[in-house]
Amino acid sequence: MILTFFLLSMLVLLADGWTNGWSTMNLFCVYRSSWRDPLGYIRLFGHVLGHANWEHFLNNMLLLLVVGPPMEEKYGSIPLLKGILLTALVTGVLQCILFPNTGLLGASGIVFMLIMLSSLAGFSGGIPVTMLLVAALYFGQQVYDIIFVHDNVANFMHIVGGLCGTAFGYYCALHRHPARSRR
């Protein structure tokens, strides 16, 4: 599933070049539009596959390919896909509501969802120290960037992605079924 996400993102970036930016702007970048626009619903999920350029793509995909496969192995492809889709939807809707005059694209929210999810990998009750450390460093850096660094990075959506990963990790831990013993 992670490899499929990677390949789809790469195809979307290639299509951006082939369509002179039309495909990314109309299918893979979420922004406030009319609810009558059927492409708006595609953008609510598809924005996580779009990237502004190769540097943006490579920065996201490097982390996705490092953190994603172990999380897919731990949680399974379908549950992880559900977590990705939920994170895409939450970040897309919040982008439209809170930042109506800007667009959002890229897998950063998904990457930070996976990072926070990985910090919960050994969760067996209580709050893992690794999660607290990752959260403090990660959220602290994002808040610092929001306040002091003015660039085109959607730090707030990184935070939302991290929160989605934390919620997803706790949900999975609380609803885990004990492994059946083999005879």
C-alpha atoms as a PDB file:
ATOM      1  CA  MET A   1       0.000   0.000   0.000  1.00  0.00           C
ATOM      2  CA  ILE A   2       2.839   2.414   0.842  1.00  0.00           C
ATOM      3  CA  LEU A   3       4.560   1.578  -2.446  1.00  0.00           C
ATOM      4  CA  THR A   4       1.285   2.164  -4.279  1.00  0.00           C
ATOM      5  CA  PHE A   5       0.952   5.549  -2.573  1.00  0.00           C
ATOM      6  CA  PHE A   6       4.515   6.377  -3.658  1.00  0.00           C
ATOM      7  CA  LEU A   7       3.892   5.325  -7.272  1.00  0.00           C
ATOM      8  CA  LEU A   8       0.581   7.198  -7.476  1.00  0.00           C
ATOM      9  CA  SER A   9       2.257  10.337  -6.113  1.00  0.00           C
ATOM     10  CA  MET A  10       5.014  10.036  -8.687  1.00  0.00           C
ATOM     11  CA  LEU A  11       2.472   9.579 -11.495  1.00  0.00           C
ATOM     12  CA  VAL A  12       0.581  12.641 -10.273  1.00  0.00           C
ATOM     13  CA  LEU A  13       3.798  14.691 -10.368  1.00  0.00           C
ATOM     14  CA  LEU A  14       4.597  13.433 -13.871  1.00  0.00           C
ATOM     15  CA  ALA A  15       1.025  14.246 -14.962  1.00  0.00           C
ATOM     16  CA  ASP A  16       1.539  17.754 -13.589  1.00  0.00           C
ATOM     17  CA  GLY A  17       4.321  18.235 -16.129  1.00  0.00           C
ATOM     18  CA  TRP A  18       2.367  16.608 -18.944  1.00  0.00           C
ATOM     19  CA  THR A  19      -0.716  18.786 -18.292  1.00  0.00           C
ATOM     20  CA  ASN A  20       1.200  21.990 -17.573  1.00  0.00           C
ATOM     21  CA  GLY A  21      -0.101  22.018 -13.985  1.00  0.00           C
ATOM     22  CA  TRP A  22      -3.787  21.469 -14.810  1.00  0.00           C
ATOM     23  CA  SER A  23      -4.065  18.025 -13.187  1.00  0.00           C
ATOM     24  CA  THR A  24      -2.469  19.110  -9.928  1.00  0.00           C
ATOM     25  CA  MET A  25      -4.528  22.278  -9.634  1.00  0.00           C
ATOM     26  CA  ASN A  26      -7.832  20.623 -10.524  1.00  0.00           C
ATOM     27  CA  LEU A  27      -7.449  17.168  -8.953  1.00  0.00           C
ATOM     28  CA  PHE A  28      -4.577  17.106  -6.453  1.00  0.00           C
ATOM     29  CA  CYS A  29      -4.675  20.437  -4.605  1.00  0.00           C
ATOM     30  CA  VAL A  30      -7.488  21.132  -2.146  1.00  0.00           C
ATOM     31  CA  TYR A  31      -8.930  24.615  -1.796  1.00  0.00           C
ATOM     32  CA  ARG A  32     -12.331  26.066  -1.032  1.00  0.00           C
ATOM     33  CA  SER A  33     -14.658  25.715  -3.979  1.00  0.00           C
ATOM     34  CA  SER A  34     -18.340  25.200  -4.623  1.00  0.00           C
ATOM     35  CA  TRP A  35     -19.814  22.027  -3.117  1.00  0.00           C
ATOM     36  CA  ARG A  36     -21.446  21.580  -6.527  1.00  0.00           C
ATOM     37  CA  ASP A  37     -18.022  21.012  -8.078  1.00  0.00           C
ATOM     38  CA  PRO A  38     -17.575  17.216  -8.279  1.00  0.00           C
ATOM     39  CA  LEU A  39     -13.798  17.642  -8.529  1.00  0.00           C
ATOM     40  CA  GLY A  40     -13.843  19.262  -5.087  1.00  0.00           C
ATOM     41  CA  TYR A  41     -14.648  15.903  -3.545  1.00  0.00           C
ATOM     42  CA  ILE A  42     -11.736  14.284  -5.372  1.00  0.00           C
ATOM     43  CA  ARG A  43      -9.447  17.072  -4.139  1.00  0.00           C
ATOM     44  CA  LEU A  44     -10.494  16.458  -0.506  1.00  0.00           C
ATOM     45  CA  PHE A  45      -8.656  13.135  -0.716  1.00  0.00           C
ATOM     46  CA  GLY A  46      -6.374  13.568  -3.734  1.00  0.00           C
ATOM     47  CA  HIS A  47      -4.394  16.514  -2.389  1.00  0.00           C
ATOM     48  CA  VAL A  48      -2.130  14.115  -0.477  1.00  0.00           C
ATOM     49  CA  LEU A  49      -0.873  12.731  -3.804  1.00  0.00           C
ATOM     50  CA  GLY A  50      -0.038  16.129  -5.319  1.00  0.00           C
ATOM     51  CA  HIS A  51       3.301  17.871  -4.906  1.00  0.00           C
ATOM     52  CA  ALA A  52       4.534  21.285  -5.980  1.00  0.00           C
ATOM     53  CA  ASN A  53       7.809  20.016  -7.475  1.00  0.00           C
ATOM     54  CA  TRP A  54      10.381  17.234  -7.330  1.00  0.00           C
ATOM     55  CA  GLU A  55      12.017  18.596  -4.168  1.00  0.00           C
ATOM     56  CA  HIS A  56       8.669  18.636  -2.357  1.00  0.00           C
ATOM     57  CA  PHE A  57       7.933  15.122  -3.621  1.00  0.00           C
ATOM     58  CA  LEU A  58      11.343  13.735  -2.613  1.00  0.00           C
ATOM     59  CA  ASN A  59      11.215  15.265   0.881  1.00  0.00           C
ATOM     60  CA  ASN A  60       7.836  13.665   1.563  1.00  0.00           C
ATOM     61  CA  MET A  61       8.532  10.342  -0.131  1.00  0.00           C
ATOM     62  CA  LEU A  62      11.848   9.747   1.617  1.00  0.00           C
ATOM     63  CA  LEU A  63      10.147   9.833   5.012  1.00  0.00           C
ATOM     64  CA  LEU A  64       7.086   7.971   3.738  1.00  0.00           C
ATOM     65  CA  LEU A  65       9.255   5.115   2.435  1.00  0.00           C
ATOM     66  CA  VAL A  66      11.250   4.907   5.678  1.00  0.00           C
ATOM     67  CA  VAL A  67       8.371   5.087   8.167  1.00  0.00           C
ATOM     68  CA  GLY A  68       5.492   3.674   6.107  1.00  0.00           C
ATOM     69  CA  PRO A  69       6.445   0.021   5.472  1.00  0.00           C
ATOM     70  CA  PRO A  70       6.949  -0.895   9.151  1.00  0.00           C
ATOM     71  CA  MET A  71       3.599   0.729   9.970  1.00  0.00           C
ATOM     72  CA  GLU A  72       1.935  -1.171   7.140  1.00  0.00           C
ATOM     73  CA  GLU A  73       3.433  -4.396   8.456  1.00  0.00           C
ATOM     74  CA  LYS A  74       2.279  -3.649  12.014  1.00  0.00           C
ATOM     75  CA  TYR A  75      -1.247  -2.398  11.286  1.00  0.00           C
ATOM     76  CA  GLY A  76      -2.013  -3.979   7.902  1.00  0.00           C
ATOM     77  CA  SER A  77      -2.706  -2.404   4.530  1.00  0.00           C
ATOM     78  CA  ILE A  78      -6.449  -1.814   4.882  1.00  0.00           C
ATOM     79  CA  PRO A  79      -6.375  -0.206   8.353  1.00  0.00           C
ATOM     80  CA  LEU A  80      -3.442   1.975   7.275  1.00  0.00           C
ATOM     81  CA  LEU A  81      -5.304   2.983   4.106  1.00  0.00           C
ATOM     82  CA  LYS A  82      -8.269   3.968   6.301  1.00  0.00           C
ATOM     83  CA  GLY A  83      -5.930   6.079   8.454  1.00  0.00           C
ATOM     84  CA  ILE A  84      -4.492   7.770   5.364  1.00  0.00           C
ATOM     85  CA  LEU A  85      -7.940   8.472   3.903  1.00  0.00           C
ATOM     86  CA  LEU A  86      -9.200   9.854   7.214  1.00  0.00           C
ATOM     87  CA  THR A  87      -6.127  12.076   7.563  1.00  0.00           C
ATOM     88  CA  ALA A  88      -6.547  13.303   3.976  1.00  0.00           C
ATOM     89  CA  LEU A  89     -10.211  14.100   4.580  1.00  0.00           C
ATOM     90  CA  VAL A  90      -9.617  15.867   7.906  1.00  0.00           C
ATOM     91  CA  THR A  91      -6.755  17.998   6.548  1.00  0.00           C
ATOM     92  CA  GLY A  92      -8.679  18.745   3.348  1.00  0.00           C
ATOM     93  CA  VAL A  93     -11.831  19.863   5.151  1.00  0.00           C
ATOM     94  CA  LEU A  94      -9.883  21.928   7.690  1.00  0.00           C
ATOM     95  CA  GLN A  95      -7.923  23.577   4.874  1.00  0.00           C
ATOM     96  CA  CYS A  96     -11.164  24.621   3.154  1.00  0.00           C
ATOM     97  CA  ILE A  97     -12.679  25.928   6.393  1.00  0.00           C
ATOM     98  CA  LEU A  98      -9.693  27.608   8.044  1.00  0.00           C
ATOM     99  CA  PHE A  99      -7.604  28.742   5.066  1.00  0.00           C
ATOM    100  CA  PRO A 100     -10.102  29.467   2.281  1.00  0.00           C
ATOM    101  CA  ASN A 101      -7.734  31.577   0.190  1.00  0.00           C
ATOM    102  CA  THR A 102      -4.902  29.059  -0.082  1.00  0.00           C
ATOM    103  CA  GLY A 103      -4.441  25.591  -1.514  1.00  0.00           C
ATOM    104  CA  LEU A 104      -2.967  22.528   0.138  1.00  0.00           C
ATOM    105  CA  LEU A 105      -1.113  19.679  -1.491  1.00  0.00           C
ATOM    106  CA  GLY A 106       1.454  17.090  -0.524  1.00  0.00           C
ATOM    107  CA  ALA A 107       1.874  14.045   1.657  1.00  0.00           C
ATOM    108  CA  SER A 108       3.304  15.876   4.689  1.00  0.00           C
ATOM    109  CA  GLY A 109       0.195  15.333   6.800  1.00  0.00           C
ATOM    110  CA  ILE A 110       0.318  11.629   5.959  1.00  0.00           C
ATOM    111  CA  VAL A 111       4.032  11.469   6.749  1.00  0.00           C
ATOM    112  CA  PHE A 112       3.509  13.094  10.137  1.00  0.00           C
ATOM    113  CA  MET A 113       0.542  10.797  10.772  1.00  0.00           C
ATOM    114  CA  LEU A 114       2.925   7.873  10.181  1.00  0.00           C
ATOM    115  CA  ILE A 115       5.657   9.395  12.376  1.00  0.00           C
ATOM    116  CA  MET A 116       3.314   9.775  15.338  1.00  0.00           C
ATOM    117  CA  LEU A 117       1.866   6.332  14.649  1.00  0.00           C
ATOM    118  CA  SER A 118       5.363   4.839  14.715  1.00  0.00           C
ATOM    119  CA  SER A 119       6.048   6.468  18.080  1.00  0.00           C
ATOM    120  CA  LEU A 120       3.174   4.366  19.419  1.00  0.00           C
ATOM    121  CA  ALA A 121       4.476   1.107  17.918  1.00  0.00           C
ATOM    122  CA  GLY A 122       5.269  -0.468  21.289  1.00  0.00           C
ATOM    123  CA  PHE A 123       2.145   0.871  23.004  1.00  0.00           C
ATOM    124  CA  SER A 124       0.699  -1.520  25.574  1.00  0.00           C
ATOM    125  CA  GLY A 125      -1.073   0.864  27.916  1.00  0.00           C
ATOM    126  CA  GLY A 126      -0.156   4.220  29.383  1.00  0.00           C
ATOM    127  CA  ILE A 127       1.597   6.906  27.377  1.00  0.00           C
ATOM    128  CA  PRO A 128       4.900   5.798  25.803  1.00  0.00           C
ATOM    129  CA  VAL A 129       7.888   8.023  26.585  1.00  0.00           C
ATOM    130  CA  THR A 130       8.947   7.815  22.926  1.00  0.00           C
ATOM    131  CA  MET A 131       5.617   9.268  21.876  1.00  0.00           C
ATOM    132  CA  LEU A 132       5.966  12.107  24.378  1.00  0.00           C
ATOM    133  CA  LEU A 133       9.455  12.919  23.106  1.00  0.00           C
ATOM    134  CA  VAL A 134       8.466  12.729  19.435  1.00  0.00           C
ATOM    135  CA  ALA A 135       5.368  14.826  20.108  1.00  0.00           C
ATOM    136  CA  ALA A 136       7.308  17.471  22.047  1.00  0.00           C
ATOM    137  CA  LEU A 137      10.001  17.773  19.391  1.00  0.00           C
ATOM    138  CA  TYR A 138       7.676  17.524  16.418  1.00  0.00           C
ATOM    139  CA  PHE A 139       4.855  19.756  17.645  1.00  0.00           C
ATOM    140  CA  GLY A 140       7.348  22.203  19.129  1.00  0.00           C
ATOM    141  CA  GLN A 141       9.122  22.540  15.777  1.00  0.00           C
ATOM    142  CA  GLN A 142       5.825  23.025  13.930  1.00  0.00           C
ATOM    143  CA  VAL A 143       4.628  25.709  16.375  1.00  0.00           C
ATOM    144  CA  TYR A 144       8.013  27.453  16.144  1.00  0.00           C
ATOM    145  CA  ASP A 145       7.765  27.413  12.338  1.00  0.00           C
ATOM    146  CA  ILE A 146       4.219  28.796  12.430  1.00  0.00           C
ATOM    147  CA  ILE A 147       5.317  31.706  14.624  1.00  0.00           C
ATOM    148  CA  PHE A 148       8.779  32.519  13.274  1.00  0.00           C
ATOM    149  CA  VAL A 149       9.180  30.996   9.797  1.00  0.00           C
ATOM    150  CA  HIS A 150       7.014  32.450   7.076  1.00  0.00           C
ATOM    151  CA  ASP A 151       7.093  30.140   4.091  1.00  0.00           C
ATOM    152  CA  ASN A 152       4.625  28.126   2.032  1.00  0.00           C
ATOM    153  CA  VAL A 153       4.683  25.147   4.390  1.00  0.00           C
ATOM    154  CA  ALA A 154       1.356  24.094   5.906  1.00  0.00           C
ATOM    155  CA  ASN A 155       2.642  23.534   9.440  1.00  0.00           C
ATOM    156  CA  PHE A 156      -0.844  23.534  10.917  1.00  0.00           C
ATOM    157  CA  MET A 157      -1.786  20.598   8.676  1.00  0.00           C
ATOM    158  CA  HIS A 158       1.392  18.803   9.775  1.00  0.00           C
ATOM    159  CA  ILE A 159       0.122  19.121  13.333  1.00  0.00           C
ATOM    160  CA  VAL A 160      -3.308  17.855  12.270  1.00  0.00           C
ATOM    161  CA  GLY A 161      -1.655  14.883  10.529  1.00  0.00           C
ATOM    162  CA  GLY A 162       0.314  14.126  13.686  1.00  0.00           C
ATOM    163  CA  LEU A 163      -2.845  14.298  15.779  1.00  0.00           C
ATOM    164  CA  CYS A 164      -4.601  11.952  13.346  1.00  0.00           C
ATOM    165  CA  GLY A 165      -1.704   9.492  13.657  1.00  0.00           C
ATOM    166  CA  THR A 166      -1.834   9.659  17.437  1.00  0.00           C
ATOM    167  CA  ALA A 167      -5.598   9.111  17.481  1.00  0.00           C
ATOM    168  CA  PHE A 168      -5.327   6.284  14.955  1.00  0.00           C
ATOM    169  CA  GLY A 169      -2.571   4.601  16.989  1.00  0.00           C
ATOM    170  CA  TYR A 170      -4.559   4.761  20.212  1.00  0.00           C
ATOM    171  CA  TYR A 171      -7.715   3.574  18.444  1.00  0.00           C
ATOM    172  CA  CYS A 172      -5.879   0.569  16.984  1.00  0.00           C
ATOM    173  CA  ALA A 173      -4.267  -0.235  20.331  1.00  0.00           C
ATOM    174  CA  LEU A 174      -7.589  -0.134  22.155  1.00  0.00           C
ATOM    175  CA  HIS A 175      -9.399  -2.199  19.519  1.00  0.00           C
ATOM    176  CA  ARG A 176      -6.659  -4.753  18.913  1.00  0.00           C
ATOM    177  CA  HIS A 177      -7.791  -8.327  18.951  1.00  0.00           C
ATOM    178  CA  PRO A 178      -5.480 -10.779  20.682  1.00  0.00           C
ATOM    179  CA  ALA A 179      -3.595 -12.959  18.252  1.00  0.00           C
ATOM    180  CA  ARG A 180      -5.009 -16.432  17.948  1.00  0.00           C
ATOM    181  CA  SER A 181      -2.663 -19.157  18.984  1.00  0.00           C
ATOM    182  CA  ARG A 182      -1.802 -21.787  16.428  1.00  0.00           C
ATOM    183  CA  ARG A 183      -2.077 -25.437  17.332  1.00  0.00           C
END
